[in-house]
Every structure is written in C-alpha cells, then in structure tokens.
N, C-alpha and C. Protein backbone atom coordinates (compact mmCIF):
# COMPACT_ATOMS: atom_id res chain seq x y z
N MET A 1 -78.48 -11.79 40.91
CA MET A 1 -77.81 -10.46 41.01
C MET A 1 -76.91 -10.19 39.83
N PHE A 2 -76.17 -11.24 39.45
CA PHE A 2 -75.24 -11.05 38.34
C PHE A 2 -75.84 -11.46 37.00
N ASP A 3 -77.08 -11.80 37.03
CA ASP A 3 -77.67 -12.24 35.77
C ASP A 3 -77.74 -11.11 34.75
N GLU A 4 -77.89 -9.89 35.25
CA GLU A 4 -77.99 -8.76 34.32
C GLU A 4 -76.64 -8.18 33.93
N PHE A 5 -75.56 -8.69 34.55
CA PHE A 5 -74.20 -8.18 34.25
C PHE A 5 -73.64 -8.97 33.07
N LYS A 6 -73.43 -8.34 31.96
CA LYS A 6 -72.92 -8.99 30.77
C LYS A 6 -71.77 -8.17 30.16
N VAL A 7 -70.77 -8.89 29.66
CA VAL A 7 -69.66 -8.24 28.95
C VAL A 7 -69.85 -8.47 27.47
N GLN A 8 -70.01 -7.43 26.76
CA GLN A 8 -70.22 -7.53 25.33
C GLN A 8 -68.92 -7.23 24.59
N LEU A 9 -68.17 -8.28 24.30
CA LEU A 9 -66.87 -8.10 23.64
C LEU A 9 -67.03 -7.60 22.21
N THR A 10 -68.16 -7.84 21.65
CA THR A 10 -68.35 -7.42 20.26
C THR A 10 -68.37 -5.91 20.11
N THR A 11 -68.74 -5.23 21.19
CA THR A 11 -68.77 -3.76 21.13
C THR A 11 -67.54 -3.13 21.77
N PHE A 12 -66.54 -3.99 22.23
CA PHE A 12 -65.32 -3.46 22.88
C PHE A 12 -64.40 -2.89 21.80
N ASP A 13 -63.81 -1.75 22.08
CA ASP A 13 -62.93 -1.09 21.10
C ASP A 13 -61.51 -1.67 21.18
N TRP A 14 -61.25 -2.74 20.39
CA TRP A 14 -59.91 -3.36 20.40
C TRP A 14 -58.85 -2.49 19.73
N ASN A 15 -59.24 -1.56 18.91
CA ASN A 15 -58.27 -0.66 18.27
C ASN A 15 -57.54 0.19 19.31
N GLY A 16 -58.26 0.58 20.32
CA GLY A 16 -57.64 1.36 21.38
C GLY A 16 -56.60 0.55 22.14
N VAL A 17 -56.94 -0.73 22.44
CA VAL A 17 -55.97 -1.60 23.13
C VAL A 17 -54.73 -1.80 22.29
N SER A 18 -54.92 -2.01 20.99
CA SER A 18 -53.79 -2.19 20.08
C SER A 18 -52.90 -0.94 20.04
N GLY A 19 -53.53 0.20 20.05
CA GLY A 19 -52.77 1.44 20.03
C GLY A 19 -51.94 1.61 21.30
N LEU A 20 -52.58 1.31 22.46
CA LEU A 20 -51.84 1.40 23.72
C LEU A 20 -50.67 0.42 23.76
N THR A 21 -50.90 -0.78 23.22
CA THR A 21 -49.83 -1.78 23.18
C THR A 21 -48.66 -1.30 22.32
N ASN A 22 -48.97 -0.72 21.20
CA ASN A 22 -47.92 -0.20 20.31
C ASN A 22 -47.10 0.89 20.99
N ILE A 23 -47.82 1.79 21.70
CA ILE A 23 -47.12 2.86 22.41
C ILE A 23 -46.20 2.29 23.48
N LEU A 24 -46.72 1.27 24.22
CA LEU A 24 -45.91 0.63 25.26
C LEU A 24 -44.66 -0.04 24.67
N MET A 25 -44.81 -0.70 23.51
CA MET A 25 -43.68 -1.35 22.87
C MET A 25 -42.63 -0.33 22.41
N VAL A 26 -43.11 0.81 21.92
CA VAL A 26 -42.18 1.87 21.51
C VAL A 26 -41.39 2.38 22.71
N ILE A 27 -42.08 2.57 23.83
CA ILE A 27 -41.40 3.04 25.05
C ILE A 27 -40.36 2.02 25.51
N LEU A 28 -40.77 0.73 25.54
CA LEU A 28 -39.84 -0.32 25.96
C LEU A 28 -38.64 -0.42 25.03
N THR A 29 -38.89 -0.29 23.72
CA THR A 29 -37.78 -0.32 22.75
C THR A 29 -36.83 0.84 22.97
N GLY A 30 -37.39 2.01 23.22
CA GLY A 30 -36.54 3.18 23.49
C GLY A 30 -35.70 2.98 24.74
N LEU A 31 -36.31 2.43 25.79
CA LEU A 31 -35.54 2.17 27.01
C LEU A 31 -34.44 1.14 26.77
N LEU A 32 -34.74 0.11 25.97
CA LEU A 32 -33.75 -0.90 25.65
C LEU A 32 -32.58 -0.30 24.87
N LEU A 33 -32.88 0.52 23.87
CA LEU A 33 -31.82 1.16 23.08
C LEU A 33 -30.97 2.09 23.94
N TYR A 34 -31.64 2.82 24.84
CA TYR A 34 -30.89 3.71 25.74
C TYR A 34 -29.95 2.90 26.64
N GLY A 35 -30.46 1.76 27.16
CA GLY A 35 -29.60 0.92 28.01
C GLY A 35 -28.42 0.36 27.24
N LEU A 36 -28.66 -0.04 25.97
CA LEU A 36 -27.55 -0.56 25.15
C LEU A 36 -26.53 0.54 24.88
N LYS A 37 -26.99 1.75 24.61
CA LYS A 37 -26.07 2.85 24.35
C LYS A 37 -25.22 3.17 25.59
N GLN A 38 -25.88 3.19 26.76
CA GLN A 38 -25.14 3.45 27.99
C GLN A 38 -24.12 2.34 28.26
N GLY A 39 -24.52 1.08 28.01
CA GLY A 39 -23.59 -0.03 28.20
C GLY A 39 -22.40 0.07 27.26
N SER A 40 -22.67 0.45 26.00
CA SER A 40 -21.59 0.62 25.03
C SER A 40 -20.63 1.73 25.46
N ASN A 41 -21.18 2.84 25.95
CA ASN A 41 -20.33 3.95 26.42
C ASN A 41 -19.49 3.53 27.63
N ASN A 42 -20.09 2.76 28.53
CA ASN A 42 -19.33 2.30 29.70
C ASN A 42 -18.19 1.37 29.29
N ILE A 43 -18.45 0.48 28.33
CA ILE A 43 -17.39 -0.42 27.86
C ILE A 43 -16.28 0.38 27.19
N LYS A 44 -16.66 1.35 26.37
CA LYS A 44 -15.67 2.18 25.68
C LYS A 44 -14.81 2.95 26.68
N GLU A 45 -15.47 3.55 27.70
CA GLU A 45 -14.72 4.30 28.70
C GLU A 45 -13.79 3.39 29.49
N SER A 46 -14.25 2.19 29.81
CA SER A 46 -13.40 1.24 30.53
C SER A 46 -12.19 0.84 29.69
N SER A 47 -12.43 0.63 28.39
CA SER A 47 -11.33 0.26 27.49
C SER A 47 -10.32 1.38 27.37
N LEU A 48 -10.81 2.61 27.22
CA LEU A 48 -9.90 3.75 27.11
C LEU A 48 -9.10 3.93 28.40
N SER A 49 -9.77 3.73 29.54
CA SER A 49 -9.09 3.86 30.82
C SER A 49 -8.00 2.80 30.97
N ARG A 50 -8.31 1.56 30.55
CA ARG A 50 -7.31 0.48 30.60
C ARG A 50 -6.13 0.79 29.70
N ASP A 51 -6.42 1.26 28.47
CA ASP A 51 -5.35 1.58 27.53
C ASP A 51 -4.47 2.70 28.05
N ALA A 52 -5.11 3.71 28.67
CA ALA A 52 -4.34 4.82 29.22
C ALA A 52 -3.46 4.36 30.38
N ASP A 53 -3.99 3.47 31.22
CA ASP A 53 -3.19 2.95 32.34
C ASP A 53 -1.98 2.16 31.84
N ILE A 54 -2.18 1.34 30.81
CA ILE A 54 -1.06 0.56 30.27
C ILE A 54 -0.03 1.47 29.62
N LEU A 55 -0.50 2.50 28.91
CA LEU A 55 0.43 3.44 28.29
C LEU A 55 1.22 4.20 29.35
N ARG A 56 0.57 4.57 30.43
CA ARG A 56 1.28 5.25 31.52
C ARG A 56 2.31 4.31 32.15
N TRP A 57 1.96 3.02 32.28
CA TRP A 57 2.93 2.04 32.79
C TRP A 57 4.15 1.97 31.87
N ALA A 58 3.91 1.90 30.56
CA ALA A 58 5.02 1.82 29.62
C ALA A 58 5.89 3.07 29.70
N MET A 59 5.26 4.23 29.85
CA MET A 59 6.03 5.48 29.95
C MET A 59 6.85 5.50 31.23
N THR A 60 6.28 4.98 32.32
CA THR A 60 7.04 4.89 33.58
C THR A 60 8.24 3.97 33.42
N GLU A 61 8.04 2.82 32.73
CA GLU A 61 9.15 1.90 32.49
C GLU A 61 10.25 2.58 31.69
N MET A 62 9.88 3.34 30.68
CA MET A 62 10.89 4.03 29.86
C MET A 62 11.61 5.10 30.68
N ASP A 63 10.88 5.79 31.55
CA ASP A 63 11.55 6.79 32.40
C ASP A 63 12.57 6.12 33.32
N LEU A 64 12.21 4.96 33.87
CA LEU A 64 13.14 4.25 34.76
C LEU A 64 14.34 3.71 34.00
N LEU A 65 14.17 3.45 32.71
CA LEU A 65 15.26 2.89 31.90
C LEU A 65 16.22 3.97 31.37
N LYS A 66 15.86 5.22 31.50
CA LYS A 66 16.69 6.28 30.91
C LYS A 66 18.16 6.21 31.31
N PRO A 67 18.49 6.03 32.61
CA PRO A 67 19.92 5.96 32.97
C PRO A 67 20.64 4.80 32.29
N ALA A 68 20.00 3.63 32.23
CA ALA A 68 20.64 2.48 31.58
C ALA A 68 20.76 2.70 30.07
N ILE A 69 19.75 3.32 29.47
CA ILE A 69 19.81 3.61 28.03
C ILE A 69 20.93 4.60 27.75
N ARG A 70 21.11 5.58 28.63
CA ARG A 70 22.20 6.54 28.45
C ARG A 70 23.56 5.86 28.53
N ILE A 71 23.68 4.89 29.43
CA ILE A 71 24.94 4.14 29.52
C ILE A 71 25.20 3.41 28.21
N LEU A 72 24.18 2.79 27.65
CA LEU A 72 24.33 2.03 26.41
C LEU A 72 24.71 2.92 25.24
N THR A 73 23.95 3.99 25.04
CA THR A 73 24.20 4.85 23.89
C THR A 73 25.58 5.51 23.98
N ASN A 74 25.97 5.93 25.18
CA ASN A 74 27.31 6.52 25.34
C ASN A 74 28.41 5.49 25.07
N ALA A 75 28.19 4.26 25.56
CA ALA A 75 29.18 3.21 25.34
C ALA A 75 29.32 2.90 23.86
N HIS A 76 28.20 2.84 23.16
CA HIS A 76 28.26 2.51 21.74
C HIS A 76 28.97 3.62 20.95
N LYS A 77 28.74 4.87 21.32
CA LYS A 77 29.38 5.97 20.59
C LYS A 77 30.89 5.98 20.82
N ILE A 78 31.31 5.58 22.03
CA ILE A 78 32.74 5.55 22.34
C ILE A 78 33.40 4.32 21.69
N ARG A 79 32.80 3.17 21.87
CA ARG A 79 33.33 1.92 21.32
C ARG A 79 32.18 0.94 21.16
N PRO A 80 31.89 0.48 19.95
CA PRO A 80 30.81 -0.49 19.75
C PRO A 80 31.05 -1.77 20.54
N TYR A 81 29.99 -2.55 20.70
CA TYR A 81 30.05 -3.75 21.53
C TYR A 81 31.13 -4.71 21.06
N CYS A 82 31.27 -4.90 19.74
CA CYS A 82 32.25 -5.87 19.23
C CYS A 82 33.14 -5.21 18.19
N ASN A 83 34.18 -5.93 17.82
CA ASN A 83 35.12 -5.42 16.82
C ASN A 83 34.96 -6.14 15.48
N CYS A 84 33.78 -6.73 15.25
CA CYS A 84 33.56 -7.46 14.00
C CYS A 84 33.60 -6.46 12.83
N PRO A 85 34.44 -6.73 11.82
CA PRO A 85 34.58 -5.77 10.72
C PRO A 85 33.36 -5.69 9.82
N GLY A 86 32.64 -6.79 9.65
CA GLY A 86 31.46 -6.81 8.80
C GLY A 86 30.37 -7.62 9.45
N GLU A 87 30.16 -8.84 8.95
CA GLU A 87 29.17 -9.72 9.53
C GLU A 87 29.64 -10.21 10.89
N HIS A 88 28.72 -10.34 11.82
CA HIS A 88 29.08 -10.75 13.18
C HIS A 88 29.49 -12.22 13.19
N ILE A 89 30.54 -12.52 13.94
CA ILE A 89 31.07 -13.88 14.06
C ILE A 89 31.17 -14.25 15.53
N LYS A 90 31.30 -15.56 15.78
CA LYS A 90 31.32 -16.03 17.17
C LYS A 90 32.56 -15.59 17.92
N HIS A 91 33.69 -15.54 17.28
CA HIS A 91 34.94 -15.18 17.95
C HIS A 91 35.20 -13.68 17.75
N TYR A 92 35.13 -12.97 18.85
CA TYR A 92 35.26 -11.51 18.78
C TYR A 92 35.77 -11.00 20.12
N ASP A 93 36.12 -9.74 20.16
CA ASP A 93 36.54 -9.08 21.40
C ASP A 93 35.41 -8.15 21.86
N CYS A 94 34.94 -8.38 23.09
CA CYS A 94 33.88 -7.54 23.66
C CYS A 94 34.50 -6.25 24.20
N SER A 95 33.92 -5.12 23.84
CA SER A 95 34.48 -3.81 24.22
C SER A 95 33.80 -3.20 25.43
N TRP A 96 32.73 -3.80 25.93
CA TRP A 96 31.96 -3.20 27.01
C TRP A 96 32.36 -3.79 28.35
N ASN A 97 32.24 -2.96 29.39
CA ASN A 97 32.55 -3.43 30.74
C ASN A 97 31.31 -4.04 31.40
N LYS A 98 31.45 -4.45 32.65
CA LYS A 98 30.35 -5.14 33.33
C LYS A 98 29.12 -4.26 33.48
N GLU A 99 29.33 -2.99 33.79
CA GLU A 99 28.19 -2.08 33.95
C GLU A 99 27.41 -1.94 32.64
N GLU A 100 28.13 -1.82 31.55
CA GLU A 100 27.48 -1.65 30.25
C GLU A 100 26.78 -2.95 29.82
N LEU A 101 27.38 -4.08 30.12
CA LEU A 101 26.74 -5.36 29.79
C LEU A 101 25.47 -5.58 30.63
N ALA A 102 25.52 -5.17 31.90
CA ALA A 102 24.33 -5.28 32.75
C ALA A 102 23.22 -4.36 32.24
N ALA A 103 23.60 -3.17 31.79
CA ALA A 103 22.61 -2.25 31.23
C ALA A 103 22.00 -2.82 29.96
N ALA A 104 22.82 -3.47 29.14
CA ALA A 104 22.31 -4.08 27.90
C ALA A 104 21.29 -5.17 28.22
N GLN A 105 21.57 -5.99 29.21
CA GLN A 105 20.64 -7.06 29.59
C GLN A 105 19.32 -6.48 30.11
N GLU A 106 19.41 -5.51 31.01
CA GLU A 106 18.20 -4.92 31.59
C GLU A 106 17.36 -4.24 30.53
N VAL A 107 17.97 -3.41 29.71
CA VAL A 107 17.22 -2.65 28.71
C VAL A 107 16.61 -3.57 27.67
N SER A 108 17.37 -4.55 27.21
CA SER A 108 16.86 -5.43 26.15
C SER A 108 15.67 -6.25 26.64
N VAL A 109 15.71 -6.72 27.87
CA VAL A 109 14.60 -7.51 28.41
C VAL A 109 13.34 -6.66 28.51
N LYS A 110 13.44 -5.46 29.03
CA LYS A 110 12.26 -4.62 29.22
C LYS A 110 11.72 -4.09 27.90
N LEU A 111 12.60 -3.74 26.97
CA LEU A 111 12.12 -3.27 25.68
C LEU A 111 11.55 -4.42 24.85
N GLN A 112 12.03 -5.63 25.10
CA GLN A 112 11.43 -6.81 24.46
C GLN A 112 9.97 -6.94 24.89
N ARG A 113 9.70 -6.76 26.18
CA ARG A 113 8.32 -6.86 26.68
C ARG A 113 7.45 -5.74 26.12
N ILE A 114 7.98 -4.53 26.14
CA ILE A 114 7.22 -3.39 25.63
C ILE A 114 6.98 -3.55 24.13
N GLY A 115 7.99 -4.02 23.40
CA GLY A 115 7.83 -4.25 21.97
C GLY A 115 6.75 -5.28 21.68
N TYR A 116 6.71 -6.35 22.48
CA TYR A 116 5.66 -7.37 22.31
C TYR A 116 4.28 -6.76 22.53
N MET A 117 4.13 -6.00 23.60
CA MET A 117 2.83 -5.42 23.91
C MET A 117 2.39 -4.43 22.83
N ALA A 118 3.35 -3.67 22.30
CA ALA A 118 2.99 -2.69 21.27
C ALA A 118 2.63 -3.38 19.96
N LEU A 119 3.40 -4.38 19.56
CA LEU A 119 3.13 -5.06 18.30
C LEU A 119 1.80 -5.80 18.30
N HIS A 120 1.35 -6.24 19.47
CA HIS A 120 0.10 -6.98 19.57
C HIS A 120 -1.03 -6.12 20.13
N ASN A 121 -0.86 -4.80 20.07
CA ASN A 121 -1.92 -3.85 20.43
C ASN A 121 -2.36 -3.94 21.88
N LEU A 122 -1.49 -4.43 22.75
CA LEU A 122 -1.79 -4.36 24.18
C LEU A 122 -1.49 -2.96 24.72
N ILE A 123 -0.58 -2.27 24.03
CA ILE A 123 -0.45 -0.81 24.20
C ILE A 123 -0.61 -0.22 22.81
N SER A 124 -1.07 1.00 22.74
CA SER A 124 -1.18 1.63 21.43
C SER A 124 0.22 1.87 20.88
N ARG A 125 0.58 1.12 19.85
CA ARG A 125 1.95 1.23 19.32
C ARG A 125 2.19 2.60 18.70
N ASN A 126 1.14 3.23 18.12
CA ASN A 126 1.34 4.54 17.51
C ASN A 126 1.58 5.61 18.56
N HIS A 127 0.81 5.57 19.64
CA HIS A 127 1.03 6.54 20.72
C HIS A 127 2.42 6.34 21.33
N PHE A 128 2.79 5.08 21.56
CA PHE A 128 4.10 4.81 22.16
C PHE A 128 5.20 5.24 21.21
N MET A 129 5.04 4.98 19.92
CA MET A 129 6.06 5.39 18.95
C MET A 129 6.20 6.92 18.89
N ASN A 130 5.06 7.61 18.93
CA ASN A 130 5.12 9.07 18.87
C ASN A 130 5.87 9.67 20.05
N ILE A 131 5.77 9.02 21.22
CA ILE A 131 6.42 9.55 22.42
C ILE A 131 7.86 9.06 22.54
N TRP A 132 8.07 7.75 22.33
CA TRP A 132 9.36 7.14 22.64
C TRP A 132 10.07 6.56 21.42
N GLY A 133 9.55 6.77 20.23
CA GLY A 133 10.16 6.20 19.03
C GLY A 133 11.64 6.52 18.85
N PRO A 134 12.05 7.80 18.93
CA PRO A 134 13.47 8.12 18.74
C PRO A 134 14.38 7.44 19.77
N MET A 135 13.95 7.40 21.04
CA MET A 135 14.77 6.74 22.05
C MET A 135 14.82 5.23 21.80
N TYR A 136 13.70 4.66 21.39
CA TYR A 136 13.67 3.22 21.09
C TYR A 136 14.64 2.90 19.95
N LEU A 137 14.65 3.74 18.92
CA LEU A 137 15.55 3.52 17.80
C LEU A 137 17.01 3.64 18.23
N SER A 138 17.32 4.68 19.01
CA SER A 138 18.71 4.85 19.44
C SER A 138 19.17 3.67 20.29
N THR A 139 18.26 3.11 21.08
CA THR A 139 18.60 1.95 21.89
C THR A 139 18.88 0.74 21.00
N TRP A 140 18.04 0.54 19.98
CA TRP A 140 18.27 -0.59 19.08
C TRP A 140 19.59 -0.44 18.33
N TYR A 141 19.89 0.77 17.86
CA TYR A 141 21.16 0.97 17.15
C TYR A 141 22.35 0.65 18.06
N SER A 142 22.20 0.95 19.35
CA SER A 142 23.28 0.64 20.29
C SER A 142 23.35 -0.84 20.62
N LEU A 143 22.19 -1.50 20.65
CA LEU A 143 22.12 -2.89 21.11
C LEU A 143 22.22 -3.91 19.97
N GLU A 144 22.17 -3.48 18.74
CA GLU A 144 22.08 -4.44 17.64
C GLU A 144 23.22 -5.45 17.65
N GLY A 145 24.47 -4.98 17.84
CA GLY A 145 25.60 -5.90 17.88
C GLY A 145 25.51 -6.88 19.05
N TRP A 146 25.07 -6.38 20.21
CA TRP A 146 24.92 -7.24 21.39
C TRP A 146 23.86 -8.31 21.13
N VAL A 147 22.74 -7.91 20.51
CA VAL A 147 21.66 -8.87 20.22
C VAL A 147 22.13 -9.92 19.22
N LYS A 148 22.85 -9.49 18.18
CA LYS A 148 23.31 -10.45 17.18
C LYS A 148 24.26 -11.48 17.80
N HIS A 149 25.14 -11.05 18.68
CA HIS A 149 26.05 -12.01 19.31
C HIS A 149 25.33 -12.90 20.32
N LYS A 150 24.29 -12.38 20.93
CA LYS A 150 23.48 -13.24 21.81
C LYS A 150 22.86 -14.36 21.01
N ARG A 151 22.39 -14.04 19.81
CA ARG A 151 21.81 -15.08 18.94
C ARG A 151 22.87 -16.09 18.52
N LEU A 152 24.06 -15.61 18.23
CA LEU A 152 25.13 -16.54 17.86
C LEU A 152 25.46 -17.47 19.03
N ASP A 153 25.49 -16.91 20.23
CA ASP A 153 25.79 -17.74 21.41
C ASP A 153 24.74 -18.82 21.62
N LEU A 154 23.50 -18.56 21.19
CA LEU A 154 22.41 -19.52 21.34
C LEU A 154 22.21 -20.37 20.09
N ASP A 155 23.17 -20.29 19.17
CA ASP A 155 23.11 -21.04 17.91
C ASP A 155 21.85 -20.71 17.10
N GLU A 156 21.47 -19.45 17.13
CA GLU A 156 20.35 -18.98 16.32
C GLU A 156 20.88 -18.28 15.08
N PRO A 157 20.05 -18.16 14.03
CA PRO A 157 20.43 -17.30 12.90
C PRO A 157 20.55 -15.85 13.34
N LEU A 158 21.24 -15.06 12.55
CA LEU A 158 21.43 -13.66 12.92
C LEU A 158 20.18 -12.81 12.70
N THR A 159 19.38 -13.17 11.72
CA THR A 159 18.25 -12.33 11.36
C THR A 159 16.92 -13.03 11.64
N ILE A 160 15.88 -12.22 11.82
CA ILE A 160 14.54 -12.75 12.06
C ILE A 160 14.04 -13.49 10.82
N GLU A 161 14.39 -12.97 9.64
CA GLU A 161 13.93 -13.61 8.40
C GLU A 161 14.40 -15.06 8.32
N ASN A 162 15.57 -15.32 8.90
CA ASN A 162 16.13 -16.67 8.83
C ASN A 162 15.77 -17.52 10.05
N GLY A 163 14.97 -16.98 10.98
CA GLY A 163 14.49 -17.79 12.09
C GLY A 163 15.02 -17.40 13.45
N ALA A 164 15.67 -16.24 13.58
CA ALA A 164 16.14 -15.80 14.90
C ALA A 164 14.96 -15.52 15.81
N TYR A 165 15.15 -15.78 17.10
CA TYR A 165 14.06 -15.58 18.07
C TYR A 165 14.44 -14.62 19.19
N SER A 166 15.68 -14.67 19.63
CA SER A 166 16.09 -13.83 20.77
C SER A 166 15.88 -12.35 20.47
N ARG A 167 15.19 -11.68 21.37
CA ARG A 167 14.89 -10.24 21.28
C ARG A 167 14.17 -9.90 19.97
N ILE A 168 13.30 -10.81 19.54
CA ILE A 168 12.61 -10.62 18.27
C ILE A 168 11.68 -9.41 18.31
N TYR A 169 10.97 -9.21 19.41
CA TYR A 169 10.02 -8.10 19.48
C TYR A 169 10.73 -6.76 19.65
N LEU A 170 11.87 -6.77 20.29
CA LEU A 170 12.69 -5.56 20.37
C LEU A 170 13.06 -5.09 18.97
N GLU A 171 13.54 -6.03 18.15
CA GLU A 171 13.96 -5.66 16.79
C GLU A 171 12.76 -5.31 15.91
N GLN A 172 11.69 -6.09 16.01
CA GLN A 172 10.52 -5.83 15.16
C GLN A 172 9.93 -4.45 15.43
N PHE A 173 9.81 -4.07 16.70
CA PHE A 173 9.22 -2.76 16.97
C PHE A 173 10.18 -1.64 16.58
N ALA A 174 11.48 -1.89 16.67
CA ALA A 174 12.44 -0.88 16.19
C ALA A 174 12.25 -0.65 14.69
N HIS A 175 12.06 -1.72 13.94
CA HIS A 175 11.83 -1.57 12.50
C HIS A 175 10.47 -0.94 12.22
N TYR A 176 9.49 -1.23 13.07
CA TYR A 176 8.19 -0.58 12.92
C TYR A 176 8.35 0.94 13.08
N CYS A 177 9.10 1.35 14.09
CA CYS A 177 9.35 2.79 14.29
C CYS A 177 10.12 3.36 13.11
N GLU A 178 11.09 2.63 12.63
CA GLU A 178 11.91 3.11 11.52
C GLU A 178 11.08 3.30 10.26
N ASN A 179 10.10 2.42 10.05
CA ASN A 179 9.27 2.49 8.85
C ASN A 179 8.12 3.48 8.96
N ASN A 180 7.73 3.86 10.18
CA ASN A 180 6.52 4.67 10.35
C ASN A 180 6.78 6.05 10.95
N MET A 181 7.93 6.27 11.53
CA MET A 181 8.25 7.60 12.04
C MET A 181 8.58 8.54 10.88
N PRO A 182 8.45 9.85 11.09
CA PRO A 182 8.87 10.79 10.03
C PRO A 182 10.33 10.58 9.66
N GLU A 183 10.61 10.68 8.39
CA GLU A 183 11.96 10.39 7.88
C GLU A 183 13.02 11.25 8.56
N VAL A 184 12.67 12.51 8.85
CA VAL A 184 13.67 13.39 9.45
C VAL A 184 14.08 12.91 10.84
N LEU A 185 13.13 12.38 11.61
CA LEU A 185 13.46 11.87 12.95
C LEU A 185 14.31 10.62 12.87
N VAL A 186 13.97 9.72 11.94
CA VAL A 186 14.75 8.50 11.77
C VAL A 186 16.19 8.84 11.39
N ASN A 187 16.35 9.72 10.42
CA ASN A 187 17.69 10.06 9.95
C ASN A 187 18.49 10.83 10.99
N ASN A 188 17.82 11.61 11.82
CA ASN A 188 18.53 12.29 12.90
C ASN A 188 19.16 11.27 13.85
N GLU A 189 18.40 10.23 14.19
CA GLU A 189 18.94 9.19 15.07
C GLU A 189 20.07 8.41 14.38
N ARG A 190 19.92 8.14 13.11
CA ARG A 190 20.96 7.40 12.39
C ARG A 190 22.25 8.21 12.29
N ARG A 191 22.12 9.51 12.10
CA ARG A 191 23.33 10.34 12.05
C ARG A 191 24.06 10.34 13.39
N ARG A 192 23.29 10.32 14.47
CA ARG A 192 23.92 10.30 15.80
C ARG A 192 24.81 9.07 15.99
N PHE A 193 24.49 7.98 15.28
CA PHE A 193 25.23 6.74 15.44
C PHE A 193 26.06 6.41 14.20
N ASN A 194 26.31 7.44 13.39
CA ASN A 194 27.15 7.30 12.20
C ASN A 194 26.63 6.22 11.25
N LEU A 195 25.31 6.14 11.11
CA LEU A 195 24.69 5.20 10.19
C LEU A 195 24.22 5.95 8.95
N PRO A 196 24.20 5.29 7.80
CA PRO A 196 23.72 5.98 6.59
C PRO A 196 22.24 6.34 6.72
N THR A 197 21.89 7.49 6.19
CA THR A 197 20.49 7.93 6.27
C THR A 197 19.64 7.11 5.30
N LEU A 198 18.34 7.09 5.58
CA LEU A 198 17.39 6.35 4.77
C LEU A 198 16.46 7.32 4.05
N SER A 199 16.12 6.99 2.83
CA SER A 199 15.09 7.73 2.11
C SER A 199 13.83 6.88 2.10
N ASN A 200 12.73 7.46 1.65
CA ASN A 200 11.46 6.72 1.68
C ASN A 200 11.52 5.42 0.89
N ASP A 201 12.23 5.43 -0.24
CA ASP A 201 12.28 4.23 -1.06
C ASP A 201 13.37 3.27 -0.62
N ARG A 202 14.15 3.67 0.43
CA ARG A 202 15.23 2.80 0.90
C ARG A 202 14.97 2.25 2.28
N LYS A 203 13.81 2.60 2.86
CA LYS A 203 13.50 2.09 4.19
C LYS A 203 13.41 0.58 4.15
N LYS A 204 13.79 -0.05 5.23
CA LYS A 204 13.83 -1.50 5.26
C LYS A 204 12.43 -2.07 5.09
N PRO A 205 12.29 -3.14 4.29
CA PRO A 205 10.97 -3.77 4.16
C PRO A 205 10.54 -4.38 5.47
N LYS A 206 9.24 -4.52 5.64
CA LYS A 206 8.72 -5.12 6.87
C LYS A 206 9.22 -6.56 6.99
N LEU A 207 9.55 -6.94 8.20
CA LEU A 207 10.12 -8.26 8.43
C LEU A 207 9.11 -9.34 8.10
N ALA A 208 9.54 -10.30 7.31
CA ALA A 208 8.67 -11.42 6.94
C ALA A 208 8.80 -12.52 7.96
N ALA A 209 8.44 -12.24 9.19
CA ALA A 209 8.54 -13.22 10.25
C ALA A 209 7.30 -14.10 10.24
N SER A 210 7.27 -15.07 11.13
CA SER A 210 6.12 -15.96 11.24
C SER A 210 4.87 -15.15 11.56
N LYS A 211 3.72 -15.66 11.11
CA LYS A 211 2.46 -14.95 11.36
C LYS A 211 2.19 -14.81 12.85
N ILE A 212 2.79 -15.67 13.64
CA ILE A 212 2.58 -15.59 15.09
C ILE A 212 3.09 -14.26 15.62
N PHE A 213 4.17 -13.77 15.02
CA PHE A 213 4.80 -12.55 15.51
C PHE A 213 4.48 -11.35 14.64
N LYS A 214 3.63 -11.54 13.63
CA LYS A 214 3.33 -10.45 12.73
C LYS A 214 2.46 -9.42 13.43
N PRO A 215 2.87 -8.11 13.41
CA PRO A 215 2.06 -7.10 14.09
C PRO A 215 0.67 -7.00 13.48
N LYS A 216 -0.33 -6.78 14.34
CA LYS A 216 -1.69 -6.62 13.87
C LYS A 216 -1.97 -5.15 13.60
N LYS A 217 -3.05 -4.88 12.86
CA LYS A 217 -3.39 -3.52 12.54
C LYS A 217 -3.81 -2.77 13.79
N GLU A 218 -3.50 -1.48 13.79
CA GLU A 218 -3.84 -0.63 14.93
C GLU A 218 -5.34 -0.51 15.03
N LYS A 219 -5.89 -0.81 16.21
CA LYS A 219 -7.33 -0.75 16.43
C LYS A 219 -7.70 0.23 17.54
N LEU A 220 -6.73 0.65 18.32
CA LEU A 220 -7.05 1.52 19.45
C LEU A 220 -7.33 2.93 18.97
N ASN A 221 -8.11 3.65 19.70
CA ASN A 221 -8.45 5.01 19.35
C ASN A 221 -8.60 5.80 20.63
N ILE A 222 -7.44 6.11 21.23
CA ILE A 222 -7.46 6.82 22.52
C ILE A 222 -7.64 8.30 22.29
C-alpha cells in the first residue's frame, strides 16, 4: 500500500521554508524588542515614582521642621550661639536657652540625614535645592557656631578639610547650595544674617573632603 508513496526531497522547495523561517525570526525579534522596551519603561516609571516619593518625604520633613528652624533663625538674629570674637574656642558663654538648644539638636540631626541623601543622590539634590535651598542656607548660617562648638566638644577639628566629621553632610550640602544657587538668592540670605555677600569669583571652593563623602554627579531626571 505504501510502496507507491515516496517523498522526493530533491524537488521540495527549501527556499520557501527559509523565507518562512526568516519571517518568523523577524516577528520574534520584534516581540523581544517590544518586551525589552516595555520593561525599560516600567523600570523608569518605578524609579521616577520612588524618587518622587522620597522627595515628598523630604519636603514633609522640612515642613515639620519649620517651627524649629524659625526658633533657630530668630535666636541667631537676636544673639548668636556663642560670644567667640573670632575663631571658636572651647571656653565660651552659650547665649541660647533650652528651647533653642533643643531646636538646634533636632534640626541639625534631620538636616544631616537629608544632606546625606541629597549628596549621594538618594534624593534629587537639585530639585531639593531649588525648593528648600534658601531655608537650608539660613539654617546653616544660624547653626554654624553650634556645630563648630559641638566639634570642639568632641575633640574634632573645626573644619571638614582638617578632618571634622560631626554634621559633615549638613555643612557639605549647605556649601553645595551656596555654590549652585543663583547668586542673588545666596546673597539675600547672607544679608539677612549680616554676612558679607559673595560674588561668583569669591564663592567658597568645594570642600576637599574624603572621597567617601564626596558628592556624586547628578543622575536623576525627574
């Protein structure tokens, strides 16, 4: 029965099979590229959502700190933290009361955390600076004497360049804002605290701290 049934491969059109295979491969490649594009978009959207959530958290923290920051800035304008005539020394008279000292501790701890996150791109430092830069600067100008004496109490150097560690990220991000904010905004804050204004060529150089604490380049794009 099957003796007369023969498959003649020599007359089979293999060009047609090759063409169909090529078309199938093109379709599969297109589907693969589409899946990769969708996956990339999902990752990007998730990253943007995470960055936005962290930025909203930082903004909420700053809103909650406003009363304590107001206490600090008002206290500094009335009477600075210490009576040191020039360079800060260990023996000094503290001018702030318990409420103002408690506000200094609370604000410095929270801004230290926010400064760390901004400098290491856990929050977009540029977005945070654009929204809260002037308030961050005014807080640093009010807290600088308190921070320097805290370092002295811990037997640390006064400056980051010389190896100070206490509230390092608070100071570093304040200098980042000072160096990157518009000059008019920086000088407005400095005038409020009776500090000399800065010009573009007089802005403080970037802190030469350890590479561990060196801010990384901005990579976020919200």
